[in-house]
Amino acid sequence: MSKTYINFVDSSYSESIGWNEISQFVKTFIEEHPEPEPTPKLVDDIDLRLYGNGAWVSFEQMDSLRGLKRETRLMEKIYGKWKIAGMHTTIYGFKKEE
């Protein structure tokens, strides 16, 4: 499992490889940001491509705190259940008013 975040707004990024590293990333994030975030709107425009026991999923979503972001998932079907094998998030932020 791998997870990457790229944030064009503040030029930050992170990469976590393996469940232990991802688990620690999530724990640290929750400790640093204890207030719950608003639930994003459901996505209805999803690009999905199936490849046997694998799938590639991509969608854009408006995040009320971060603005526009593109999410991509690499999925694997293991014992009949879909599991996330890779995650990539690119954050573009809010459009600047001209």
N, C-alpha and C. Protein backbone atom coordinates (compact mmCIF):
# COMPACT_ATOMS: atom_id res chain seq x y z
N MET A 1 0.84 -1.17 0.00
CA MET A 1 0.00 0.00 0.00
C MET A 1 0.88 1.24 0.00
N SER A 2 0.50 2.21 -0.81
CA SER A 2 1.22 3.49 -0.81
C SER A 2 0.21 4.63 -0.86
N LYS A 3 0.62 5.78 -0.29
CA LYS A 3 -0.24 6.95 -0.27
C LYS A 3 0.64 8.16 -0.48
N THR A 4 0.25 9.01 -1.45
CA THR A 4 0.98 10.25 -1.68
C THR A 4 0.01 11.43 -1.71
N TYR A 5 0.47 12.55 -1.18
CA TYR A 5 -0.26 13.82 -1.24
C TYR A 5 0.67 14.85 -1.86
N ILE A 6 0.15 15.60 -2.82
CA ILE A 6 0.88 16.72 -3.39
C ILE A 6 -0.05 17.92 -3.27
N ASN A 7 0.45 18.98 -2.63
CA ASN A 7 -0.36 20.18 -2.41
C ASN A 7 0.29 21.34 -3.14
N PHE A 8 -0.30 21.73 -4.29
CA PHE A 8 0.25 22.83 -5.07
C PHE A 8 0.07 24.18 -4.37
N VAL A 9 -0.87 24.27 -3.44
CA VAL A 9 -1.16 25.53 -2.76
C VAL A 9 0.02 25.96 -1.88
N ASP A 10 0.53 25.04 -1.09
CA ASP A 10 1.64 25.39 -0.19
C ASP A 10 2.94 24.64 -0.52
N SER A 11 2.98 24.00 -1.67
CA SER A 11 4.17 23.27 -2.15
C SER A 11 4.60 22.15 -1.20
N SER A 12 3.65 21.56 -0.48
CA SER A 12 4.00 20.46 0.42
C SER A 12 3.65 19.12 -0.26
N TYR A 13 4.24 18.08 0.25
CA TYR A 13 3.95 16.74 -0.24
C TYR A 13 4.28 15.74 0.86
N SER A 14 3.71 14.56 0.73
CA SER A 14 4.07 13.47 1.64
C SER A 14 3.89 12.16 0.90
N GLU A 15 4.64 11.18 1.32
CA GLU A 15 4.53 9.84 0.77
C GLU A 15 4.66 8.85 1.92
N SER A 16 3.74 7.92 1.97
CA SER A 16 3.77 6.86 2.98
C SER A 16 3.72 5.52 2.26
N ILE A 17 4.60 4.62 2.66
CA ILE A 17 4.68 3.29 2.04
C ILE A 17 4.43 2.25 3.13
N GLY A 18 3.46 1.40 2.92
CA GLY A 18 3.17 0.32 3.87
C GLY A 18 2.15 0.74 4.91
N TRP A 19 1.43 -0.25 5.43
CA TRP A 19 0.33 0.02 6.37
C TRP A 19 0.80 0.68 7.65
N ASN A 20 1.96 0.29 8.18
CA ASN A 20 2.44 0.89 9.43
C ASN A 20 2.71 2.38 9.26
N GLU A 21 3.34 2.75 8.16
CA GLU A 21 3.64 4.16 7.90
C GLU A 21 2.36 4.97 7.67
N ILE A 22 1.41 4.40 6.93
CA ILE A 22 0.14 5.08 6.67
C ILE A 22 -0.64 5.22 7.97
N SER A 23 -0.66 4.20 8.79
CA SER A 23 -1.35 4.25 10.08
C SER A 23 -0.77 5.35 10.96
N GLN A 24 0.55 5.46 10.99
CA GLN A 24 1.19 6.51 11.79
C GLN A 24 0.86 7.89 11.24
N PHE A 25 0.83 8.03 9.91
CA PHE A 25 0.47 9.31 9.28
C PHE A 25 -0.93 9.73 9.72
N VAL A 26 -1.88 8.81 9.67
CA VAL A 26 -3.27 9.11 10.04
C VAL A 26 -3.36 9.46 11.53
N LYS A 27 -2.69 8.70 12.39
CA LYS A 27 -2.71 9.00 13.82
C LYS A 27 -2.15 10.39 14.10
N THR A 28 -1.02 10.72 13.48
CA THR A 28 -0.41 12.02 13.67
C THR A 28 -1.33 13.13 13.17
N PHE A 29 -1.95 12.93 12.01
CA PHE A 29 -2.86 13.93 11.46
C PHE A 29 -4.03 14.19 12.41
N ILE A 30 -4.62 13.13 12.95
CA ILE A 30 -5.75 13.28 13.87
C ILE A 30 -5.31 13.99 15.15
N GLU A 31 -4.15 13.66 15.65
CA GLU A 31 -3.64 14.34 16.85
C GLU A 31 -3.41 15.83 16.60
N GLU A 32 -2.90 16.17 15.42
CA GLU A 32 -2.62 17.57 15.09
C GLU A 32 -3.88 18.34 14.66
N HIS A 33 -4.92 17.62 14.22
CA HIS A 33 -6.17 18.24 13.76
C HIS A 33 -7.35 17.49 14.40
N PRO A 34 -7.57 17.69 15.70
CA PRO A 34 -8.60 16.90 16.41
C PRO A 34 -10.05 17.24 16.05
N GLU A 35 -10.29 18.44 15.49
CA GLU A 35 -11.67 18.79 15.12
C GLU A 35 -12.08 18.04 13.86
N PRO A 36 -13.29 17.46 13.84
CA PRO A 36 -13.73 16.75 12.64
C PRO A 36 -13.87 17.70 11.44
N GLU A 37 -13.52 17.19 10.28
CA GLU A 37 -13.66 17.97 9.05
C GLU A 37 -15.05 17.76 8.48
N PRO A 38 -15.58 18.75 7.73
CA PRO A 38 -16.90 18.58 7.10
C PRO A 38 -16.87 17.41 6.11
N THR A 39 -17.96 16.69 6.03
CA THR A 39 -18.08 15.58 5.08
C THR A 39 -18.23 16.16 3.68
N PRO A 40 -17.38 15.72 2.73
CA PRO A 40 -17.50 16.26 1.37
C PRO A 40 -18.75 15.73 0.67
N LYS A 41 -19.18 16.47 -0.37
CA LYS A 41 -20.31 16.02 -1.17
C LYS A 41 -19.95 14.72 -1.88
N LEU A 42 -20.96 13.90 -2.12
CA LEU A 42 -20.74 12.67 -2.86
C LEU A 42 -20.30 12.99 -4.29
N VAL A 43 -19.43 12.18 -4.81
CA VAL A 43 -18.90 12.36 -6.16
C VAL A 43 -19.76 11.56 -7.13
N ASP A 44 -20.17 12.21 -8.23
CA ASP A 44 -20.98 11.48 -9.21
C ASP A 44 -20.29 11.35 -10.56
N ASP A 45 -19.10 11.91 -10.71
CA ASP A 45 -18.35 11.82 -11.96
C ASP A 45 -17.03 11.10 -11.66
N ILE A 46 -17.05 9.79 -11.86
CA ILE A 46 -15.89 8.96 -11.52
C ILE A 46 -15.41 8.24 -12.77
N ASP A 47 -14.11 8.26 -13.00
CA ASP A 47 -13.50 7.52 -14.10
C ASP A 47 -13.02 6.19 -13.52
N LEU A 48 -13.58 5.09 -14.00
CA LEU A 48 -13.27 3.76 -13.49
C LEU A 48 -12.84 2.87 -14.64
N ARG A 49 -11.71 2.21 -14.46
CA ARG A 49 -11.22 1.25 -15.47
C ARG A 49 -10.88 -0.05 -14.77
N LEU A 50 -11.48 -1.13 -15.24
CA LEU A 50 -11.27 -2.45 -14.65
C LEU A 50 -10.25 -3.24 -15.46
N TYR A 51 -9.35 -3.93 -14.76
CA TYR A 51 -8.32 -4.76 -15.38
C TYR A 51 -8.25 -6.08 -14.62
N GLY A 52 -9.15 -7.00 -14.93
CA GLY A 52 -9.15 -8.29 -14.23
C GLY A 52 -9.41 -8.09 -12.75
N ASN A 53 -8.43 -8.41 -11.91
CA ASN A 53 -8.56 -8.23 -10.46
C ASN A 53 -8.03 -6.88 -9.99
N GLY A 54 -7.87 -5.95 -10.93
CA GLY A 54 -7.40 -4.62 -10.57
C GLY A 54 -8.31 -3.56 -11.15
N ALA A 55 -8.26 -2.38 -10.58
CA ALA A 55 -9.04 -1.26 -11.07
C ALA A 55 -8.29 0.04 -10.81
N TRP A 56 -8.51 0.99 -11.69
CA TRP A 56 -7.97 2.34 -11.56
C TRP A 56 -9.17 3.27 -11.45
N VAL A 57 -9.21 4.07 -10.38
CA VAL A 57 -10.34 4.94 -10.10
C VAL A 57 -9.81 6.36 -9.95
N SER A 58 -10.47 7.32 -10.61
CA SER A 58 -10.03 8.71 -10.50
C SER A 58 -11.25 9.63 -10.48
N PHE A 59 -11.16 10.69 -9.66
CA PHE A 59 -12.26 11.65 -9.58
C PHE A 59 -11.74 12.96 -9.02
N GLU A 60 -12.48 14.04 -9.31
CA GLU A 60 -12.21 15.34 -8.71
C GLU A 60 -13.25 15.59 -7.64
N GLN A 61 -12.85 16.31 -6.60
CA GLN A 61 -13.76 16.59 -5.50
C GLN A 61 -13.43 17.96 -4.93
N MET A 62 -14.48 18.69 -4.56
CA MET A 62 -14.27 19.98 -3.90
C MET A 62 -14.26 19.74 -2.41
N ASP A 63 -13.16 20.08 -1.79
CA ASP A 63 -12.97 19.93 -0.36
C ASP A 63 -13.20 21.30 0.27
N SER A 64 -14.06 21.39 1.26
CA SER A 64 -14.41 22.69 1.83
C SER A 64 -13.22 23.37 2.53
N LEU A 65 -12.22 22.60 2.93
CA LEU A 65 -11.05 23.18 3.59
C LEU A 65 -9.86 23.38 2.64
N ARG A 66 -9.74 22.55 1.62
CA ARG A 66 -8.56 22.58 0.76
C ARG A 66 -8.84 23.01 -0.67
N GLY A 67 -10.10 23.06 -1.07
CA GLY A 67 -10.45 23.41 -2.44
C GLY A 67 -10.47 22.18 -3.33
N LEU A 68 -10.23 22.40 -4.62
CA LEU A 68 -10.29 21.33 -5.60
C LEU A 68 -9.15 20.34 -5.40
N LYS A 69 -9.49 19.07 -5.44
CA LYS A 69 -8.46 18.04 -5.38
C LYS A 69 -8.83 16.89 -6.31
N ARG A 70 -7.82 16.23 -6.83
CA ARG A 70 -7.99 15.05 -7.68
C ARG A 70 -7.51 13.86 -6.88
N GLU A 71 -8.36 12.85 -6.81
CA GLU A 71 -8.05 11.62 -6.08
C GLU A 71 -7.91 10.48 -7.09
N THR A 72 -6.91 9.67 -6.91
CA THR A 72 -6.70 8.48 -7.74
C THR A 72 -6.46 7.30 -6.83
N ARG A 73 -7.09 6.19 -7.15
CA ARG A 73 -6.93 4.96 -6.36
C ARG A 73 -6.56 3.80 -7.28
N LEU A 74 -5.63 3.00 -6.84
CA LEU A 74 -5.32 1.72 -7.46
C LEU A 74 -5.95 0.67 -6.56
N MET A 75 -6.85 -0.12 -7.12
CA MET A 75 -7.59 -1.11 -6.33
C MET A 75 -7.19 -2.52 -6.76
N GLU A 76 -7.24 -3.45 -5.80
CA GLU A 76 -7.01 -4.87 -6.08
C GLU A 76 -8.16 -5.66 -5.48
N LYS A 77 -8.64 -6.65 -6.22
CA LYS A 77 -9.68 -7.52 -5.70
C LYS A 77 -9.01 -8.74 -5.07
N ILE A 78 -9.16 -8.86 -3.74
CA ILE A 78 -8.52 -9.93 -2.99
C ILE A 78 -9.61 -10.73 -2.28
N TYR A 79 -9.68 -12.00 -2.57
CA TYR A 79 -10.71 -12.87 -2.00
C TYR A 79 -12.11 -12.28 -2.17
N GLY A 80 -12.35 -11.72 -3.37
CA GLY A 80 -13.68 -11.22 -3.71
C GLY A 80 -14.01 -9.83 -3.17
N LYS A 81 -13.07 -9.17 -2.46
CA LYS A 81 -13.32 -7.84 -1.92
C LYS A 81 -12.30 -6.85 -2.47
N TRP A 82 -12.78 -5.64 -2.82
CA TRP A 82 -11.90 -4.60 -3.34
C TRP A 82 -11.13 -3.95 -2.20
N LYS A 83 -9.82 -3.84 -2.37
CA LYS A 83 -8.93 -3.23 -1.39
C LYS A 83 -8.13 -2.12 -2.08
N ILE A 84 -7.85 -1.05 -1.34
CA ILE A 84 -7.02 0.03 -1.88
C ILE A 84 -5.56 -0.39 -1.80
N ALA A 85 -4.88 -0.39 -2.95
CA ALA A 85 -3.45 -0.73 -2.98
C ALA A 85 -2.60 0.53 -3.09
N GLY A 86 -3.17 1.59 -3.63
CA GLY A 86 -2.44 2.85 -3.77
C GLY A 86 -3.39 4.02 -3.81
N MET A 87 -2.97 5.13 -3.22
CA MET A 87 -3.77 6.35 -3.20
C MET A 87 -2.88 7.52 -3.60
N HIS A 88 -3.43 8.41 -4.41
CA HIS A 88 -2.70 9.63 -4.75
C HIS A 88 -3.69 10.79 -4.71
N THR A 89 -3.34 11.85 -4.01
CA THR A 89 -4.18 13.03 -3.92
C THR A 89 -3.37 14.24 -4.35
N THR A 90 -3.91 15.00 -5.30
CA THR A 90 -3.31 16.26 -5.71
C THR A 90 -4.27 17.38 -5.32
N ILE A 91 -3.78 18.33 -4.56
CA ILE A 91 -4.62 19.44 -4.09
C ILE A 91 -4.28 20.68 -4.91
N TYR A 92 -5.32 21.25 -5.55
CA TYR A 92 -5.15 22.44 -6.39
C TYR A 92 -5.60 23.72 -5.67
N GLY A 93 -6.42 23.58 -4.62
CA GLY A 93 -6.87 24.74 -3.85
C GLY A 93 -8.07 25.42 -4.47
N PHE A 94 -8.33 26.60 -3.98
CA PHE A 94 -9.46 27.41 -4.44
C PHE A 94 -9.01 28.33 -5.55
N LYS A 95 -9.91 28.62 -6.49
CA LYS A 95 -9.60 29.57 -7.56
C LYS A 95 -9.45 30.97 -6.95
N LYS A 96 -8.46 31.67 -7.42
CA LYS A 96 -8.25 33.04 -6.95
C LYS A 96 -9.17 33.97 -7.72
N GLU A 97 -9.79 34.88 -7.01
CA GLU A 97 -10.65 35.89 -7.63
C GLU A 97 -9.78 36.88 -8.37
N GLU A 98 -10.17 37.21 -9.59
CA GLU A 98 -9.39 38.17 -10.39
C GLU A 98 -9.99 39.54 -10.31
